[in-house]
């Protein structure tokens, strides 16, 4: 190594501190993405039956929410009522709590 390269490294950030800083930033971003907190959001109420959900929100659309992915499906779609870990919910409440509709139409 040339003397100038050694000096640049000597005064730059050390690899361990760069790793820690990057790791901390990634953890913060992951936390913000996975746990959105929306003030004023209605609680998400889960129902075992479509009719119960429709009684709870008569002026809203009932959707099937896949709980692990937080993606919902509309009536008539392939996965509506057919995922292993899911529940019927009101679409408005699902949207307010950070869920979203399916993008592939299934």
C-alpha atoms as a PDB file:
ATOM      1  CA  UNK A   1       0.000   0.000   0.000  1.00  0.00           C
ATOM      2  CA  UNK A   2       1.054   3.535  -0.608  1.00  0.00           C
ATOM      3  CA  UNK A   3       1.413   5.858   2.316  1.00  0.00           C
ATOM      4  CA  UNK A   4      -1.531   8.015   1.103  1.00  0.00           C
ATOM      5  CA  UNK A   5      -3.844   4.961   1.026  1.00  0.00           C
ATOM      6  CA  UNK A   6      -2.946   4.090   4.601  1.00  0.00           C
ATOM      7  CA  UNK A   7      -3.672   7.624   5.737  1.00  0.00           C
ATOM      8  CA  UNK A   8      -7.059   7.674   3.963  1.00  0.00           C
ATOM      9  CA  UNK A   9      -8.042   4.468   5.699  1.00  0.00           C
ATOM     10  CA  UNK A  10      -6.693   5.665   9.012  1.00  0.00           C
ATOM     11  CA  UNK A  11      -8.950   8.739   8.998  1.00  0.00           C
ATOM     12  CA  UNK A  12     -12.028   7.152   7.405  1.00  0.00           C
ATOM     13  CA  UNK A  13     -14.699   5.204   9.274  1.00  0.00           C
ATOM     14  CA  UNK A  14     -13.630   1.839  10.574  1.00  0.00           C
ATOM     15  CA  UNK A  15     -15.330  -1.241   9.102  1.00  0.00           C
ATOM     16  CA  UNK A  16     -16.861  -2.334  12.432  1.00  0.00           C
ATOM     17  CA  UNK A  17     -18.441   1.056  13.076  1.00  0.00           C
ATOM     18  CA  UNK A  18     -19.754   1.187   9.486  1.00  0.00           C
ATOM     19  CA  UNK A  19     -21.318  -2.246   9.970  1.00  0.00           C
ATOM     20  CA  UNK A  20     -22.967  -1.211  13.243  1.00  0.00           C
ATOM     21  CA  UNK A  21     -24.303   2.015  11.736  1.00  0.00           C
ATOM     22  CA  UNK A  22     -25.703   0.191   8.711  1.00  0.00           C
ATOM     23  CA  UNK A  23     -27.262  -2.493  10.888  1.00  0.00           C
ATOM     24  CA  UNK A  24     -28.932   0.086  13.128  1.00  0.00           C
ATOM     25  CA  UNK A  25     -30.340   1.932  10.102  1.00  0.00           C
ATOM     26  CA  UNK A  26     -31.711  -1.305   8.644  1.00  0.00           C
ATOM     27  CA  UNK A  27     -33.361  -2.230  11.937  1.00  0.00           C
ATOM     28  CA  UNK A  28     -35.022   1.187  12.194  1.00  0.00           C
ATOM     29  CA  UNK A  29     -36.343   0.989   8.634  1.00  0.00           C
ATOM     30  CA  UNK A  30     -37.595  -2.581   9.127  1.00  0.00           C
ATOM     31  CA  UNK A  31     -39.402  -1.566  12.310  1.00  0.00           C
ATOM     32  CA  UNK A  32     -41.066   1.396  10.646  1.00  0.00           C
ATOM     33  CA  UNK A  33     -42.191  -0.700   7.679  1.00  0.00           C
ATOM     34  CA  UNK A  34     -43.482  -3.678   9.647  1.00  0.00           C
ATOM     35  CA  UNK A  35     -45.181  -1.743  12.438  1.00  0.00           C
ATOM     36  CA  UNK A  36     -46.954   1.271  11.005  1.00  0.00           C
ATOM     37  CA  UNK A  37     -48.663   3.321  13.660  1.00  0.00           C
ATOM     38  CA  UNK A  38     -51.476   5.392  12.303  1.00  0.00           C
ATOM     39  CA  UNK A  39     -53.004   7.680  14.852  1.00  0.00           C
ATOM     40  CA  UNK A  40     -56.764   7.531  15.005  1.00  0.00           C
ATOM     41  CA  UNK A  41     -57.013   4.195  13.201  1.00  0.00           C
ATOM     42  CA  UNK A  42     -60.036   2.122  14.113  1.00  0.00           C
ATOM     43  CA  UNK A  43     -59.197  -1.203  15.728  1.00  0.00           C
ATOM     44  CA  UNK A  44     -59.146  -4.092  13.301  1.00  0.00           C
ATOM     45  CA  UNK A  45     -61.902  -6.496  14.305  1.00  0.00           C
ATOM     46  CA  UNK A  46     -61.607 -10.029  12.914  1.00  0.00           C
ATOM     47  CA  UNK A  47     -64.648 -12.192  12.115  1.00  0.00           C
ATOM     48  CA  UNK A  48     -64.990 -15.923  11.461  1.00  0.00           C
ATOM     49  CA  UNK A  49     -68.089 -15.464   9.308  1.00  0.00           C
ATOM     50  CA  UNK A  50     -68.735 -13.084   6.437  1.00  0.00           C
ATOM     51  CA  UNK A  51     -72.225 -12.279   7.775  1.00  0.00           C
ATOM     52  CA  UNK A  52     -70.791 -11.143  11.126  1.00  0.00           C
ATOM     53  CA  UNK A  53     -68.412  -8.760   9.395  1.00  0.00           C
ATOM     54  CA  UNK A  54     -71.214  -7.378   7.215  1.00  0.00           C
ATOM     55  CA  UNK A  55     -73.329  -6.706  10.318  1.00  0.00           C
ATOM     56  CA  UNK A  56     -70.413  -4.847  11.893  1.00  0.00           C
ATOM     57  CA  UNK A  57     -69.906  -2.599   8.842  1.00  0.00           C
ATOM     58  CA  UNK A  58     -73.114  -2.557   6.780  1.00  0.00           C
ATOM     59  CA  UNK A  59     -71.992   0.362   4.591  1.00  0.00           C
ATOM     60  CA  UNK A  60     -68.519  -1.054   3.885  1.00  0.00           C
ATOM     61  CA  UNK A  61     -67.180  -3.910   1.764  1.00  0.00           C
ATOM     62  CA  UNK A  62     -66.208  -7.114   3.554  1.00  0.00           C
ATOM     63  CA  UNK A  63     -62.863  -8.560   2.495  1.00  0.00           C
ATOM     64  CA  UNK A  64     -60.817 -11.609   3.467  1.00  0.00           C
ATOM     65  CA  UNK A  65     -57.580 -10.589   5.177  1.00  0.00           C
ATOM     66  CA  UNK A  66     -54.589 -12.919   5.056  1.00  0.00           C
ATOM     67  CA  UNK A  67     -53.194 -12.130   8.518  1.00  0.00           C
ATOM     68  CA  UNK A  68     -49.477 -12.949   8.067  1.00  0.00           C
ATOM     69  CA  UNK A  69     -49.151 -10.899   4.877  1.00  0.00           C
ATOM     70  CA  UNK A  70     -51.812  -8.246   5.660  1.00  0.00           C
ATOM     71  CA  UNK A  71     -53.103  -8.541   2.088  1.00  0.00           C
ATOM     72  CA  UNK A  72     -56.849  -8.719   1.543  1.00  0.00           C
ATOM     73  CA  UNK A  73     -58.960 -10.362  -1.152  1.00  0.00           C
ATOM     74  CA  UNK A  74     -62.416  -9.395  -2.425  1.00  0.00           C
ATOM     75  CA  UNK A  75     -65.399 -11.718  -2.750  1.00  0.00           C
ATOM     76  CA  UNK A  76     -65.140 -13.855  -5.877  1.00  0.00           C
ATOM     77  CA  UNK A  77     -61.351 -13.991  -5.811  1.00  0.00           C
ATOM     78  CA  UNK A  78     -59.430 -17.251  -5.511  1.00  0.00           C
ATOM     79  CA  UNK A  79     -58.189 -16.698  -1.944  1.00  0.00           C
ATOM     80  CA  UNK A  80     -61.348 -15.093  -0.517  1.00  0.00           C
ATOM     81  CA  UNK A  81     -62.013 -17.158   2.611  1.00  0.00           C
ATOM     82  CA  UNK A  82     -59.356 -19.700   1.584  1.00  0.00           C
ATOM     83  CA  UNK A  83     -56.058 -18.863   3.276  1.00  0.00           C
ATOM     84  CA  UNK A  84     -54.827 -20.780   6.318  1.00  0.00           C
ATOM     85  CA  UNK A  85     -54.544 -17.757   8.617  1.00  0.00           C
ATOM     86  CA  UNK A  86     -57.160 -15.207   7.745  1.00  0.00           C
ATOM     87  CA  UNK A  87     -60.389 -13.533   8.762  1.00  0.00           C
ATOM     88  CA  UNK A  88     -63.232 -11.471   7.369  1.00  0.00           C
ATOM     89  CA  UNK A  89     -62.774  -7.756   8.023  1.00  0.00           C
ATOM     90  CA  UNK A  90     -64.173  -4.419   6.914  1.00  0.00           C
ATOM     91  CA  UNK A  91     -62.122  -2.970   4.061  1.00  0.00           C
ATOM     92  CA  UNK A  92     -61.978   0.522   5.574  1.00  0.00           C
ATOM     93  CA  UNK A  93     -60.627  -0.804   8.883  1.00  0.00           C
ATOM     94  CA  UNK A  94     -58.091  -2.983   7.052  1.00  0.00           C
ATOM     95  CA  UNK A  95     -56.860   0.025   5.037  1.00  0.00           C
ATOM     96  CA  UNK A  96     -56.582   2.190   8.161  1.00  0.00           C
ATOM     97  CA  UNK A  97     -54.473  -0.482   9.844  1.00  0.00           C
ATOM     98  CA  UNK A  98     -51.903  -0.764   7.067  1.00  0.00           C
ATOM     99  CA  UNK A  99     -53.308  -3.675   5.075  1.00  0.00           C
ATOM    100  CA  UNK A 100     -53.678  -3.537   1.302  1.00  0.00           C
ATOM    101  CA  UNK A 101     -55.552  -5.262  -1.451  1.00  0.00           C
ATOM    102  CA  UNK A 102     -54.011  -7.965  -3.582  1.00  0.00           C
ATOM    103  CA  UNK A 103     -52.127  -6.779  -6.639  1.00  0.00           C
ATOM    104  CA  UNK A 104     -52.410  -9.949  -8.723  1.00  0.00           C
ATOM    105  CA  UNK A 105     -56.200 -10.289  -8.733  1.00  0.00           C
ATOM    106  CA  UNK A 106     -56.334 -13.591  -6.868  1.00  0.00           C
END
